[in-house]
N, C-alpha and C. Protein backbone atom coordinates (compact mmCIF):
# COMPACT_ATOMS: atom_id res chain seq x y z
N MET A 1 131.95 42.62 124.85
CA MET A 1 131.92 43.07 126.22
C MET A 1 133.35 43.19 126.72
N LYS A 2 133.62 44.28 127.38
CA LYS A 2 134.93 44.52 127.96
C LYS A 2 135.10 43.68 129.21
N THR A 3 136.29 43.15 129.42
CA THR A 3 136.53 42.35 130.61
C THR A 3 137.04 43.23 131.74
N ALA A 4 136.91 42.71 132.94
CA ALA A 4 137.40 43.41 134.13
C ALA A 4 138.31 42.43 134.89
N THR A 5 138.99 42.92 135.89
CA THR A 5 139.88 42.05 136.65
C THR A 5 139.36 41.91 138.08
N ILE A 6 139.75 40.80 138.68
CA ILE A 6 139.50 40.54 140.09
C ILE A 6 140.81 40.83 140.79
N PRO A 7 140.78 41.40 141.98
CA PRO A 7 142.04 41.69 142.67
C PRO A 7 142.90 40.43 142.85
N SER A 8 144.19 40.61 142.74
CA SER A 8 145.12 39.51 142.98
C SER A 8 144.96 39.01 144.41
N LEU A 9 145.17 37.72 144.58
CA LEU A 9 145.04 37.13 145.90
C LEU A 9 146.38 36.62 146.38
N ARG A 10 146.72 36.95 147.59
CA ARG A 10 147.91 36.38 148.21
C ARG A 10 147.43 35.25 149.10
N VAL A 11 147.95 34.05 148.86
CA VAL A 11 147.56 32.88 149.64
C VAL A 11 148.82 32.18 150.12
N ASN A 12 148.66 31.38 151.17
CA ASN A 12 149.83 30.64 151.63
C ASN A 12 150.10 29.49 150.67
N PRO A 13 151.32 29.01 150.63
CA PRO A 13 151.68 27.95 149.68
C PRO A 13 150.83 26.68 149.82
N GLU A 14 150.40 26.38 151.03
CA GLU A 14 149.59 25.18 151.24
C GLU A 14 148.25 25.28 150.52
N LEU A 15 147.63 26.46 150.58
CA LEU A 15 146.34 26.65 149.91
C LEU A 15 146.51 26.56 148.40
N ARG A 16 147.55 27.16 147.88
CA ARG A 16 147.80 27.08 146.43
C ARG A 16 148.03 25.63 146.01
N HIS A 17 148.83 24.92 146.77
CA HIS A 17 149.10 23.51 146.45
C HIS A 17 147.81 22.69 146.51
N ALA A 18 146.98 22.95 147.52
CA ALA A 18 145.71 22.23 147.64
C ALA A 18 144.83 22.50 146.42
N ALA A 19 144.78 23.74 145.97
CA ALA A 19 143.97 24.09 144.80
C ALA A 19 144.54 23.41 143.55
N GLU A 20 145.82 23.45 143.40
CA GLU A 20 146.44 22.82 142.22
C GLU A 20 146.27 21.31 142.24
N SER A 21 146.20 20.73 143.42
CA SER A 21 146.09 19.27 143.51
C SER A 21 144.73 18.74 143.07
N VAL A 22 143.73 19.58 142.99
CA VAL A 22 142.40 19.14 142.59
C VAL A 22 142.01 19.58 141.18
N LEU A 23 142.94 20.18 140.46
CA LEU A 23 142.65 20.60 139.10
C LEU A 23 142.40 19.38 138.22
N GLN A 24 141.43 19.50 137.34
CA GLN A 24 141.14 18.43 136.39
C GLN A 24 142.01 18.60 135.16
N ASP A 25 142.08 17.56 134.33
CA ASP A 25 142.89 17.62 133.11
C ASP A 25 142.52 18.83 132.28
N GLY A 26 143.51 19.61 131.90
CA GLY A 26 143.31 20.79 131.07
C GLY A 26 142.80 22.01 131.81
N GLU A 27 142.52 21.89 133.08
CA GLU A 27 142.01 23.01 133.87
C GLU A 27 143.18 23.83 134.41
N THR A 28 143.03 25.14 134.35
CA THR A 28 144.06 26.01 134.90
C THR A 28 143.62 26.51 136.27
N LEU A 29 144.60 27.00 137.01
CA LEU A 29 144.28 27.56 138.31
C LEU A 29 143.34 28.75 138.15
N SER A 30 143.54 29.55 137.12
CA SER A 30 142.66 30.69 136.87
C SER A 30 141.23 30.25 136.59
N SER A 31 141.05 29.22 135.75
CA SER A 31 139.68 28.77 135.44
C SER A 31 139.03 28.16 136.68
N PHE A 32 139.83 27.50 137.53
CA PHE A 32 139.31 26.96 138.78
C PHE A 32 138.83 28.08 139.69
N VAL A 33 139.61 29.14 139.80
CA VAL A 33 139.24 30.28 140.65
C VAL A 33 137.97 30.95 140.11
N ILE A 34 137.89 31.11 138.80
CA ILE A 34 136.70 31.73 138.20
C ILE A 34 135.46 30.88 138.46
N GLN A 35 135.58 29.55 138.28
CA GLN A 35 134.44 28.68 138.53
C GLN A 35 134.05 28.71 140.01
N SER A 36 135.04 28.74 140.89
CA SER A 36 134.76 28.82 142.32
C SER A 36 134.03 30.11 142.67
N LEU A 37 134.44 31.20 142.03
CA LEU A 37 133.79 32.49 142.25
C LEU A 37 132.34 32.45 141.77
N ARG A 38 132.13 31.87 140.59
CA ARG A 38 130.75 31.74 140.08
C ARG A 38 129.89 30.91 141.01
N THR A 39 130.44 29.79 141.48
CA THR A 39 129.71 28.92 142.39
C THR A 39 129.38 29.64 143.69
N GLY A 40 130.34 30.39 144.22
CA GLY A 40 130.11 31.15 145.45
C GLY A 40 129.04 32.21 145.27
N ILE A 41 129.05 32.88 144.14
CA ILE A 41 128.04 33.90 143.85
C ILE A 41 126.67 33.26 143.76
N GLN A 42 126.57 32.15 143.04
CA GLN A 42 125.29 31.45 142.89
C GLN A 42 124.77 31.00 144.25
N TYR A 43 125.64 30.47 145.09
CA TYR A 43 125.24 30.04 146.42
C TYR A 43 124.71 31.21 147.24
N ARG A 44 125.42 32.32 147.21
CA ARG A 44 124.99 33.49 147.98
C ARG A 44 123.66 34.03 147.48
N GLN A 45 123.46 34.01 146.15
CA GLN A 45 122.19 34.48 145.60
C GLN A 45 121.04 33.58 146.05
N MET A 46 121.25 32.27 145.99
CA MET A 46 120.20 31.34 146.44
C MET A 46 119.93 31.51 147.93
N GLN A 47 120.99 31.71 148.70
CA GLN A 47 120.83 31.92 150.14
C GLN A 47 120.02 33.19 150.41
N LYS A 48 120.34 34.25 149.70
CA LYS A 48 119.63 35.52 149.87
C LYS A 48 118.15 35.37 149.51
N GLU A 49 117.86 34.66 148.40
CA GLU A 49 116.48 34.44 147.99
C GLU A 49 115.73 33.56 148.99
N PHE A 50 116.41 32.55 149.54
CA PHE A 50 115.80 31.68 150.54
C PHE A 50 115.40 32.48 151.78
N ILE A 51 116.29 33.33 152.23
CA ILE A 51 116.01 34.16 153.41
C ILE A 51 114.86 35.12 153.12
N ALA A 52 114.85 35.70 151.92
CA ALA A 52 113.77 36.62 151.55
C ALA A 52 112.42 35.89 151.55
N ARG A 53 112.40 34.65 151.02
CA ARG A 53 111.15 33.87 151.03
C ARG A 53 110.72 33.57 152.46
N GLY A 54 111.69 33.29 153.32
CA GLY A 54 111.37 33.03 154.73
C GLY A 54 110.76 34.23 155.40
N PHE A 55 111.34 35.40 155.17
CA PHE A 55 110.78 36.63 155.75
C PHE A 55 109.38 36.92 155.20
N ALA A 56 109.20 36.70 153.90
CA ALA A 56 107.89 36.93 153.29
C ALA A 56 106.86 35.97 153.88
N SER A 57 107.27 34.73 154.09
CA SER A 57 106.37 33.75 154.68
C SER A 57 106.00 34.14 156.11
N ARG A 58 106.99 34.61 156.84
CA ARG A 58 106.73 35.05 158.22
C ARG A 58 105.72 36.19 158.22
N GLU A 59 105.92 37.15 157.33
CA GLU A 59 105.00 38.30 157.28
C GLU A 59 103.60 37.87 156.87
N GLU A 60 103.51 36.92 155.95
CA GLU A 60 102.20 36.41 155.53
C GLU A 60 101.51 35.71 156.70
N ALA A 61 102.26 34.93 157.46
CA ALA A 61 101.69 34.25 158.63
C ALA A 61 101.21 35.27 159.67
N ARG A 62 102.00 36.30 159.89
CA ARG A 62 101.58 37.35 160.84
C ARG A 62 100.32 38.06 160.35
N ARG A 63 100.27 38.32 159.04
CA ARG A 63 99.14 39.04 158.46
C ARG A 63 97.86 38.22 158.55
N THR A 64 97.97 36.93 158.23
CA THR A 64 96.78 36.08 158.17
C THR A 64 96.48 35.37 159.48
N GLY A 65 97.50 35.25 160.33
CA GLY A 65 97.33 34.50 161.57
C GLY A 65 97.36 33.00 161.35
N GLU A 66 97.70 32.57 160.14
CA GLU A 66 97.72 31.15 159.81
C GLU A 66 99.15 30.61 159.97
N TYR A 67 99.31 29.72 160.92
CA TYR A 67 100.60 29.10 161.20
C TYR A 67 100.46 27.60 161.06
N PHE A 68 101.57 26.92 160.82
CA PHE A 68 101.57 25.47 160.66
C PHE A 68 102.49 24.86 161.69
N ASP A 69 102.06 23.77 162.30
CA ASP A 69 102.86 23.07 163.29
C ASP A 69 104.05 22.39 162.59
N ALA A 70 105.21 22.52 163.17
CA ALA A 70 106.43 21.96 162.56
C ALA A 70 106.32 20.46 162.38
N LYS A 71 105.70 19.77 163.33
CA LYS A 71 105.55 18.32 163.21
C LYS A 71 104.72 17.96 161.98
N ASP A 72 103.65 18.70 161.73
CA ASP A 72 102.81 18.44 160.56
C ASP A 72 103.58 18.67 159.27
N VAL A 73 104.35 19.74 159.23
CA VAL A 73 105.13 20.06 158.04
C VAL A 73 106.16 18.97 157.79
N LEU A 74 106.86 18.54 158.85
CA LEU A 74 107.87 17.49 158.69
C LEU A 74 107.22 16.17 158.26
N ASN A 75 106.07 15.86 158.81
CA ASN A 75 105.37 14.65 158.38
C ASN A 75 105.00 14.71 156.90
N ASP A 76 104.51 15.86 156.45
CA ASP A 76 104.17 16.03 155.04
C ASP A 76 105.40 15.90 154.16
N LEU A 77 106.51 16.51 154.58
CA LEU A 77 107.75 16.42 153.80
C LEU A 77 108.26 14.98 153.74
N ASN A 78 108.19 14.27 154.86
CA ASN A 78 108.61 12.87 154.87
C ASN A 78 107.74 12.02 153.95
N ALA A 79 106.45 12.30 153.93
CA ALA A 79 105.56 11.57 153.03
C ALA A 79 105.90 11.85 151.58
N MET A 80 106.19 13.11 151.27
CA MET A 80 106.57 13.48 149.90
C MET A 80 107.86 12.77 149.51
N LEU A 81 108.82 12.72 150.42
CA LEU A 81 110.09 12.05 150.15
C LEU A 81 109.87 10.56 149.92
N SER A 82 109.07 9.94 150.77
CA SER A 82 108.78 8.51 150.62
C SER A 82 108.13 8.22 149.28
N ASN A 83 107.20 9.06 148.87
CA ASN A 83 106.53 8.89 147.57
C ASN A 83 107.51 9.05 146.42
N ALA A 84 108.40 10.01 146.52
CA ALA A 84 109.37 10.24 145.46
C ALA A 84 110.36 9.07 145.36
N GLU A 85 110.75 8.52 146.51
CA GLU A 85 111.68 7.39 146.52
C GLU A 85 111.03 6.13 145.98
N ALA A 86 109.71 6.01 146.18
CA ALA A 86 108.98 4.83 145.71
C ALA A 86 108.79 4.84 144.19
N GLU A 87 108.85 5.99 143.59
CA GLU A 87 108.62 6.11 142.14
C GLU A 87 109.82 5.70 141.33
């Protein structure tokens, strides 16, 4: 596979120093930037999918007329959390 480039970034010296200060042993600034880019992409994809599920849920509720009270949902979630913590 052929590689491509990401545009060069101009940053202030403080930001560069901050990035360099958190590098792990053997890690380069370039590998840190690449990993940060991957993490940002993954976050945005999950965010986009979450919003899409929310819209789909809204449309399903409108279509069926079936809605759930927020208090009931929170109570159910708290019960699930309590059960998971007890295990």
